[in-house]
């Protein structure tokens, strides 16, 4: 019998970068339940998602995120980055 599997949090619903931030805060249309973060700084950078501080190494990082559900992500000042809300 065929089984239907739906992969959760694999599609990008919204994609914002540092140019979309106001005072280092990105605001999405809906709360962030899963996130993908990219930057190419040499050192890990701190991003705050749902009240949780994430230390993200250079390159891409993707995960389901817990915490207090929010539509805001705080990004480090002066860092080029791309943050995506996944569905």
PDB file of N, CA and C in Angstrom:
ATOM      1  N   UNK A   1       0.849  -1.172   0.000  1.00  0.00           N
ATOM      2  CA  UNK A   1       0.000   0.000   0.000  1.00  0.00           C
ATOM      3  C   UNK A   1       0.899   1.241   0.000  1.00  0.00           C
ATOM      4  N   UNK A   2       0.682   2.181  -0.930  1.00  0.00           N
ATOM      5  CA  UNK A   2       1.484   3.402  -0.968  1.00  0.00           C
ATOM      6  C   UNK A   2       1.253   4.253   0.274  1.00  0.00           C
ATOM      7  N   UNK A   3       2.305   4.859   0.723  1.00  0.00           N
ATOM      8  CA  UNK A   3       2.233   5.735   1.887  1.00  0.00           C
ATOM      9  C   UNK A   3       2.553   7.147   1.428  1.00  0.00           C
ATOM     10  N   UNK A   4       1.721   8.085   1.823  1.00  0.00           N
ATOM     11  CA  UNK A   4       1.945   9.492   1.490  1.00  0.00           C
ATOM     12  C   UNK A   4       2.697  10.142   2.642  1.00  0.00           C
ATOM     13  N   UNK A   5       3.827  10.747   2.316  1.00  0.00           N
ATOM     14  CA  UNK A   5       4.639  11.413   3.331  1.00  0.00           C
ATOM     15  C   UNK A   5       4.753  12.879   2.953  1.00  0.00           C
ATOM     16  N   UNK A   6       4.451  13.745   3.900  1.00  0.00           N
ATOM     17  CA  UNK A   6       4.607  15.178   3.674  1.00  0.00           C
ATOM     18  C   UNK A   6       5.765  15.659   4.541  1.00  0.00           C
ATOM     19  N   UNK A   7       6.767  16.204   3.907  1.00  0.00           N
ATOM     20  CA  UNK A   7       7.888  16.737   4.654  1.00  0.00           C
ATOM     21  C   UNK A   7       7.538  18.134   5.142  1.00  0.00           C
ATOM     22  N   UNK A   8       7.579  18.317   6.426  1.00  0.00           N
ATOM     23  CA  UNK A   8       7.274  19.617   7.000  1.00  0.00           C
ATOM     24  C   UNK A   8       8.497  20.516   6.973  1.00  0.00           C
ATOM     25  N   UNK A   9       8.244  21.782   6.803  1.00  0.00           N
ATOM     26  CA  UNK A   9       9.274  22.803   6.905  1.00  0.00           C
ATOM     27  C   UNK A   9      10.384  22.629   5.873  1.00  0.00           C
ATOM     28  N   UNK A  10      10.003  22.323   4.650  1.00  0.00           N
ATOM     29  CA  UNK A  10      10.974  22.176   3.583  1.00  0.00           C
ATOM     30  C   UNK A  10      10.862  23.279   2.536  1.00  0.00           C
ATOM     31  N   UNK A  11       9.780  24.038   2.586  1.00  0.00           N
ATOM     32  CA  UNK A  11       9.549  25.073   1.581  1.00  0.00           C
ATOM     33  C   UNK A  11       9.731  26.466   2.189  1.00  0.00           C
ATOM     34  N   UNK A  12      10.286  27.362   1.403  1.00  0.00           N
ATOM     35  CA  UNK A  12      10.478  28.741   1.851  1.00  0.00           C
ATOM     36  C   UNK A  12       9.175  29.507   1.634  1.00  0.00           C
ATOM     37  N   UNK A  13       8.621  30.038   2.729  1.00  0.00           N
ATOM     38  CA  UNK A  13       7.405  30.842   2.650  1.00  0.00           C
ATOM     39  C   UNK A  13       7.757  32.316   2.480  1.00  0.00           C
ATOM     40  N   UNK A  14       8.816  32.752   3.158  1.00  0.00           N
ATOM     41  CA  UNK A  14       9.295  34.133   3.082  1.00  0.00           C
ATOM     42  C   UNK A  14      10.804  34.134   3.217  1.00  0.00           C
ATOM     43  N   UNK A  15      11.431  35.062   2.543  1.00  0.00           N
ATOM     44  CA  UNK A  15      12.884  35.186   2.593  1.00  0.00           C
ATOM     45  C   UNK A  15      13.219  36.668   2.753  1.00  0.00           C
ATOM     46  N   UNK A  16      13.899  36.999   3.844  1.00  0.00           N
ATOM     47  CA  UNK A  16      14.289  38.380   4.116  1.00  0.00           C
ATOM     48  C   UNK A  16      15.797  38.451   4.301  1.00  0.00           C
ATOM     49  N   UNK A  17      16.358  39.642   4.075  1.00  0.00           N
ATOM     50  CA  UNK A  17      17.783  39.834   4.342  1.00  0.00           C
ATOM     51  C   UNK A  17      17.979  41.097   5.160  1.00  0.00           C
ATOM     52  N   UNK A  18      19.246  41.428   5.417  1.00  0.00           N
ATOM     53  CA  UNK A  18      19.560  42.563   6.303  1.00  0.00           C
ATOM     54  C   UNK A  18      18.943  43.871   5.808  1.00  0.00           C
ATOM     55  N   UNK A  19      18.733  44.017   4.515  1.00  0.00           N
ATOM     56  CA  UNK A  19      18.145  45.258   3.992  1.00  0.00           C
ATOM     57  C   UNK A  19      16.667  45.396   4.371  1.00  0.00           C
ATOM     58  N   UNK A  20      16.022  44.295   4.772  1.00  0.00           N
ATOM     59  CA  UNK A  20      14.622  44.320   5.192  1.00  0.00           C
ATOM     60  C   UNK A  20      14.468  44.618   6.684  1.00  0.00           C
ATOM     61  N   UNK A  21      15.573  44.693   7.421  1.00  0.00           N
ATOM     62  CA  UNK A  21      15.533  44.845   8.877  1.00  0.00           C
ATOM     63  C   UNK A  21      15.287  46.296   9.289  1.00  0.00           C
ATOM     64  N   UNK A  22      14.590  46.438  10.389  1.00  0.00           N
ATOM     65  CA  UNK A  22      14.412  47.723  11.047  1.00  0.00           C
ATOM     66  C   UNK A  22      15.017  47.576  12.439  1.00  0.00           C
ATOM     67  N   UNK A  23      16.068  48.342  12.728  1.00  0.00           N
ATOM     68  CA  UNK A  23      16.793  48.215  14.006  1.00  0.00           C
ATOM     69  C   UNK A  23      17.225  46.776  14.265  1.00  0.00           C
ATOM     70  N   UNK A  24      17.755  46.119  13.215  1.00  0.00           N
ATOM     71  CA  UNK A  24      18.264  44.741  13.284  1.00  0.00           C
ATOM     72  C   UNK A  24      17.187  43.697  13.549  1.00  0.00           C
ATOM     73  N   UNK A  25      15.939  44.023  13.254  1.00  0.00           N
ATOM     74  CA  UNK A  25      14.849  43.069  13.445  1.00  0.00           C
ATOM     75  C   UNK A  25      14.141  42.852  12.111  1.00  0.00           C
ATOM     76  N   UNK A  26      14.052  41.578  11.715  1.00  0.00           N
ATOM     77  CA  UNK A  26      13.271  41.183  10.545  1.00  0.00           C
ATOM     78  C   UNK A  26      11.880  40.804  11.020  1.00  0.00           C
ATOM     79  N   UNK A  27      10.857  41.250  10.323  1.00  0.00           N
ATOM     80  CA  UNK A  27       9.482  40.914  10.698  1.00  0.00           C
ATOM     81  C   UNK A  27       8.831  40.152   9.550  1.00  0.00           C
ATOM     82  N   UNK A  28       8.431  38.918   9.849  1.00  0.00           N
ATOM     83  CA  UNK A  28       7.787  38.059   8.868  1.00  0.00           C
ATOM     84  C   UNK A  28       6.272  38.220   8.941  1.00  0.00           C
ATOM     85  N   UNK A  29       5.558  37.722   7.939  1.00  0.00           N
ATOM     86  CA  UNK A  29       4.099  37.826   7.901  1.00  0.00           C
ATOM     87  C   UNK A  29       3.421  36.915   8.921  1.00  0.00           C
ATOM     88  N   UNK A  30       4.098  35.832   9.294  1.00  0.00           N
ATOM     89  CA  UNK A  30       3.542  34.874  10.249  1.00  0.00           C
ATOM     90  C   UNK A  30       4.632  34.442  11.221  1.00  0.00           C
ATOM     91  N   UNK A  31       4.249  33.839  12.357  1.00  0.00           N
ATOM     92  CA  UNK A  31       5.250  33.354  13.307  1.00  0.00           C
ATOM     93  C   UNK A  31       6.203  32.340  12.666  1.00  0.00           C
ATOM     94  N   UNK A  32       7.438  32.343  13.144  1.00  0.00           N
ATOM     95  CA  UNK A  32       8.484  31.460  12.628  1.00  0.00           C
ATOM     96  C   UNK A  32       8.429  30.138  13.393  1.00  0.00           C
ATOM     97  N   UNK A  33       8.149  29.051  12.686  1.00  0.00           N
ATOM     98  CA  UNK A  33       8.132  27.717  13.301  1.00  0.00           C
ATOM     99  C   UNK A  33       9.328  26.889  12.856  1.00  0.00           C
ATOM    100  N   UNK A  34       9.890  27.277  11.717  1.00  0.00           N
ATOM    101  CA  UNK A  34      11.115  26.664  11.211  1.00  0.00           C
ATOM    102  C   UNK A  34      11.848  27.756  10.441  1.00  0.00           C
ATOM    103  N   UNK A  35      13.189  27.707  10.501  1.00  0.00           N
ATOM    104  CA  UNK A  35      13.974  28.808   9.952  1.00  0.00           C
ATOM    105  C   UNK A  35      15.212  28.280   9.241  1.00  0.00           C
ATOM    106  N   UNK A  36      15.619  29.017   8.226  1.00  0.00           N
ATOM    107  CA  UNK A  36      16.902  28.772   7.581  1.00  0.00           C
ATOM    108  C   UNK A  36      17.672  30.087   7.640  1.00  0.00           C
ATOM    109  N   UNK A  37      18.910  30.024   8.094  1.00  0.00           N
ATOM    110  CA  UNK A  37      19.744  31.223   8.248  1.00  0.00           C
ATOM    111  C   UNK A  37      21.044  31.006   7.488  1.00  0.00           C
ATOM    112  N   UNK A  38      21.446  32.032   6.735  1.00  0.00           N
ATOM    113  CA  UNK A  38      22.711  31.989   6.000  1.00  0.00           C
ATOM    114  C   UNK A  38      23.475  33.276   6.234  1.00  0.00           C
ATOM    115  N   UNK A  39      24.788  33.155   6.440  1.00  0.00           N
ATOM    116  CA  UNK A  39      25.720  34.288   6.439  1.00  0.00           C
ATOM    117  C   UNK A  39      27.086  33.729   6.076  1.00  0.00           C
ATOM    118  N   UNK A  40      28.014  34.626   5.698  1.00  0.00           N
ATOM    119  CA  UNK A  40      29.353  34.136   5.340  1.00  0.00           C
ATOM    120  C   UNK A  40      30.464  34.820   6.136  1.00  0.00           C
ATOM    121  N   UNK A  41      30.127  35.293   7.336  1.00  0.00           N
ATOM    122  CA  UNK A  41      31.148  35.844   8.232  1.00  0.00           C
ATOM    123  C   UNK A  41      32.080  34.711   8.668  1.00  0.00           C
ATOM    124  N   UNK A  42      33.290  35.053   9.063  1.00  0.00           N
ATOM    125  CA  UNK A  42      34.246  34.020   9.486  1.00  0.00           C
ATOM    126  C   UNK A  42      33.875  33.383  10.818  1.00  0.00           C
ATOM    127  N   UNK A  43      33.281  34.147  11.698  1.00  0.00           N
ATOM    128  CA  UNK A  43      32.925  33.672  13.041  1.00  0.00           C
ATOM    129  C   UNK A  43      31.424  33.419  13.137  1.00  0.00           C
ATOM    130  N   UNK A  44      31.005  32.538  14.053  1.00  0.00           N
ATOM    131  CA  UNK A  44      29.573  32.347  14.283  1.00  0.00           C
ATOM    132  C   UNK A  44      28.918  33.674  14.681  1.00  0.00           C
ATOM    133  N   UNK A  45      27.677  33.838  14.300  1.00  0.00           N
ATOM    134  CA  UNK A  45      26.922  35.053  14.591  1.00  0.00           C
ATOM    135  C   UNK A  45      25.683  34.702  15.408  1.00  0.00           C
ATOM    136  N   UNK A  46      25.223  35.660  16.236  1.00  0.00           N
ATOM    137  CA  UNK A  46      24.053  35.434  17.071  1.00  0.00           C
ATOM    138  C   UNK A  46      22.785  35.961  16.407  1.00  0.00           C
ATOM    139  N   UNK A  47      21.792  35.092  16.305  1.00  0.00           N
ATOM    140  CA  UNK A  47      20.471  35.430  15.798  1.00  0.00           C
ATOM    141  C   UNK A  47      19.476  35.050  16.886  1.00  0.00           C
ATOM    142  N   UNK A  48      18.482  35.894  17.128  1.00  0.00           N
ATOM    143  CA  UNK A  48      17.469  35.562  18.119  1.00  0.00           C
ATOM    144  C   UNK A  48      16.167  35.226  17.406  1.00  0.00           C
ATOM    145  N   UNK A  49      15.697  33.998  17.634  1.00  0.00           N
ATOM    146  CA  UNK A  49      14.471  33.502  17.009  1.00  0.00           C
ATOM    147  C   UNK A  49      13.584  32.938  18.113  1.00  0.00           C
ATOM    148  N   UNK A  50      12.365  33.431  18.219  1.00  0.00           N
ATOM    149  CA  UNK A  50      11.405  32.959  19.230  1.00  0.00           C
ATOM    150  C   UNK A  50      11.977  33.004  20.646  1.00  0.00           C
ATOM    151  N   UNK A  51      12.752  34.040  20.929  1.00  0.00           N
ATOM    152  CA  UNK A  51      13.329  34.208  22.261  1.00  0.00           C
ATOM    153  C   UNK A  51      14.540  33.339  22.537  1.00  0.00           C
ATOM    154  N   UNK A  52      15.014  32.623  21.535  1.00  0.00           N
ATOM    155  CA  UNK A  52      16.173  31.736  21.684  1.00  0.00           C
ATOM    156  C   UNK A  52      17.334  32.340  20.900  1.00  0.00           C
ATOM    157  N   UNK A  53      18.489  32.472  21.546  1.00  0.00           N
ATOM    158  CA  UNK A  53      19.676  32.971  20.866  1.00  0.00           C
ATOM    159  C   UNK A  53      20.396  31.810  20.202  1.00  0.00           C
ATOM    160  N   UNK A  54      20.525  31.906  18.885  1.00  0.00           N
ATOM    161  CA  UNK A  54      21.197  30.876  18.100  1.00  0.00           C
ATOM    162  C   UNK A  54      22.577  31.378  17.697  1.00  0.00           C
ATOM    163  N   UNK A  55      23.600  30.560  17.882  1.00  0.00           N
ATOM    164  CA  UNK A  55      24.955  30.858  17.431  1.00  0.00           C
ATOM    165  C   UNK A  55      25.145  30.101  16.121  1.00  0.00           C
ATOM    166  N   UNK A  56      25.037  30.844  15.020  1.00  0.00           N
ATOM    167  CA  UNK A  56      25.018  30.234  13.695  1.00  0.00           C
ATOM    168  C   UNK A  56      26.383  30.396  13.030  1.00  0.00           C
ATOM    169  N   UNK A  57      26.982  29.258  12.667  1.00  0.00           N
ATOM    170  CA  UNK A  57      28.272  29.258  11.978  1.00  0.00           C
ATOM    171  C   UNK A  57      28.080  29.714  10.529  1.00  0.00           C
ATOM    172  N   UNK A  58      29.162  30.081   9.841  1.00  0.00           N
ATOM    173  CA  UNK A  58      29.058  30.483   8.435  1.00  0.00           C
ATOM    174  C   UNK A  58      28.431  29.380   7.584  1.00  0.00           C
ATOM    175  N   UNK A  59      27.746  29.814   6.547  1.00  0.00           N
ATOM    176  CA  UNK A  59      27.064  28.848   5.678  1.00  0.00           C
ATOM    177  C   UNK A  59      25.616  28.716   6.084  1.00  0.00           C
ATOM    178  N   UNK A  60      24.946  27.754   5.562  1.00  0.00           N
ATOM    179  CA  UNK A  60      23.527  27.584   5.822  1.00  0.00           C
ATOM    180  C   UNK A  60      23.228  26.750   7.047  1.00  0.00           C
ATOM    181  N   UNK A  61      22.141  27.047   7.705  1.00  0.00           N
ATOM    182  CA  UNK A  61      21.659  26.307   8.867  1.00  0.00           C
ATOM    183  C   UNK A  61      20.144  26.288   8.801  1.00  0.00           C
ATOM    184  N   UNK A  62      19.521  25.150   9.041  1.00  0.00           N
ATOM    185  CA  UNK A  62      18.071  25.016   8.938  1.00  0.00           C
ATOM    186  C   UNK A  62      17.571  24.144  10.078  1.00  0.00           C
ATOM    187  N   UNK A  63      16.459  24.568  10.704  1.00  0.00           N
ATOM    188  CA  UNK A  63      15.906  23.767  11.787  1.00  0.00           C
ATOM    189  C   UNK A  63      14.490  24.209  12.136  1.00  0.00           C
ATOM    190  N   UNK A  64      13.753  23.291  12.710  1.00  0.00           N
ATOM    191  CA  UNK A  64      12.505  23.644  13.380  1.00  0.00           C
ATOM    192  C   UNK A  64      12.931  24.416  14.626  1.00  0.00           C
ATOM    193  N   UNK A  65      12.155  25.417  15.021  1.00  0.00           N
ATOM    194  CA  UNK A  65      12.539  26.245  16.170  1.00  0.00           C
ATOM    195  C   UNK A  65      11.393  26.300  17.173  1.00  0.00           C
ATOM    196  N   UNK A  66      11.718  26.090  18.421  1.00  0.00           N
ATOM    197  CA  UNK A  66      10.746  26.128  19.507  1.00  0.00           C
ATOM    198  C   UNK A  66      10.745  27.523  20.116  1.00  0.00           C
ATOM    199  N   UNK A  67      10.421  27.626  21.362  1.00  0.00           N
ATOM    200  CA  UNK A  67      10.433  28.908  22.055  1.00  0.00           C
ATOM    201  C   UNK A  67       9.073  29.572  22.004  1.00  0.00           C
ATOM    202  N   UNK A  68       9.067  30.864  22.306  1.00  0.00           N
ATOM    203  CA  UNK A  68       7.838  31.647  22.302  1.00  0.00           C
ATOM    204  C   UNK A  68       7.588  32.115  20.877  1.00  0.00           C
ATOM    205  N   UNK A  69       6.532  31.633  20.272  1.00  0.00           N
ATOM    206  CA  UNK A  69       6.237  31.894  18.872  1.00  0.00           C
ATOM    207  C   UNK A  69       6.204  33.393  18.570  1.00  0.00           C
ATOM    208  N   UNK A  70       6.979  33.793  17.545  1.00  0.00           N
ATOM    209  CA  UNK A  70       7.085  35.201  17.165  1.00  0.00           C
ATOM    210  C   UNK A  70       7.298  35.314  15.665  1.00  0.00           C
ATOM    211  N   UNK A  71       6.922  36.460  15.125  1.00  0.00           N
ATOM    212  CA  UNK A  71       7.167  36.723  13.706  1.00  0.00           C
ATOM    213  C   UNK A  71       8.436  37.537  13.502  1.00  0.00           C
ATOM    214  N   UNK A  72       9.195  37.777  14.583  1.00  0.00           N
ATOM    215  CA  UNK A  72      10.415  38.588  14.505  1.00  0.00           C
ATOM    216  C   UNK A  72      11.678  37.753  14.704  1.00  0.00           C
ATOM    217  N   UNK A  73      12.724  38.129  13.970  1.00  0.00           N
ATOM    218  CA  UNK A  73      14.048  37.540  14.117  1.00  0.00           C
ATOM    219  C   UNK A  73      15.036  38.694  14.250  1.00  0.00           C
ATOM    220  N   UNK A  74      15.809  38.679  15.328  1.00  0.00           N
ATOM    221  CA  UNK A  74      16.837  39.702  15.529  1.00  0.00           C
ATOM    222  C   UNK A  74      18.130  39.209  14.907  1.00  0.00           C
ATOM    223  N   UNK A  75      18.724  40.060  14.070  1.00  0.00           N
ATOM    224  CA  UNK A  75      19.956  39.697  13.363  1.00  0.00           C
ATOM    225  C   UNK A  75      21.112  40.536  13.888  1.00  0.00           C
ATOM    226  N   UNK A  76      22.356  40.076  13.707  1.00  0.00           N
ATOM    227  CA  UNK A  76      23.507  40.847  14.159  1.00  0.00           C
ATOM    228  C   UNK A  76      23.681  42.113  13.308  1.00  0.00           C
ATOM    229  N   UNK A  77      24.121  43.155  13.944  1.00  0.00           N
ATOM    230  CA  UNK A  77      24.347  44.429  13.265  1.00  0.00           C
ATOM    231  C   UNK A  77      25.501  44.321  12.273  1.00  0.00           C
ATOM    232  N   UNK A  78      25.298  44.843  11.071  1.00  0.00           N
ATOM    233  CA  UNK A  78      26.366  44.910  10.090  1.00  0.00           C
ATOM    234  C   UNK A  78      26.714  43.608   9.398  1.00  0.00           C
ATOM    235  N   UNK A  79      25.896  42.586   9.551  1.00  0.00           N
ATOM    236  CA  UNK A  79      26.177  41.282   8.952  1.00  0.00           C
ATOM    237  C   UNK A  79      25.218  41.050   7.787  1.00  0.00           C
ATOM    238  N   UNK A  80      25.779  40.728   6.614  1.00  0.00           N
ATOM    239  CA  UNK A  80      24.950  40.332   5.483  1.00  0.00           C
ATOM    240  C   UNK A  80      24.409  38.933   5.754  1.00  0.00           C
ATOM    241  N   UNK A  81      23.097  38.775   5.694  1.00  0.00           N
ATOM    242  CA  UNK A  81      22.507  37.480   5.993  1.00  0.00           C
ATOM    243  C   UNK A  81      21.198  37.316   5.237  1.00  0.00           C
ATOM    244  N   UNK A  82      20.764  36.070   5.140  1.00  0.00           N
ATOM    245  CA  UNK A  82      19.473  35.745   4.562  1.00  0.00           C
ATOM    246  C   UNK A  82      18.768  34.843   5.577  1.00  0.00           C
ATOM    247  N   UNK A  83      17.551  35.231   5.931  1.00  0.00           N
ATOM    248  CA  UNK A  83      16.767  34.460   6.893  1.00  0.00           C
ATOM    249  C   UNK A  83      15.450  34.095   6.214  1.00  0.00           C
ATOM    250  N   UNK A  84      15.140  32.815   6.221  1.00  0.00           N
ATOM    251  CA  UNK A  84      13.915  32.331   5.574  1.00  0.00           C
ATOM    252  C   UNK A  84      12.990  31.680   6.594  1.00  0.00           C
ATOM    253  N   UNK A  85      11.703  31.984   6.470  1.00  0.00           N
ATOM    254  CA  UNK A  85      10.672  31.290   7.255  1.00  0.00           C
ATOM    255  C   UNK A  85      10.226  30.105   6.413  1.00  0.00           C
ATOM    256  N   UNK A  86      10.306  28.919   7.010  1.00  0.00           N
ATOM    257  CA  UNK A  86       9.983  27.680   6.297  1.00  0.00           C
ATOM    258  C   UNK A  86       8.609  27.171   6.685  1.00  0.00           C
ATOM    259  N   UNK A  87       7.954  26.506   5.719  1.00  0.00           N
ATOM    260  CA  UNK A  87       6.655  25.872   5.982  1.00  0.00           C
ATOM    261  C   UNK A  87       6.699  24.435   5.483  1.00  0.00           C
TER     262      UNK A  87
END
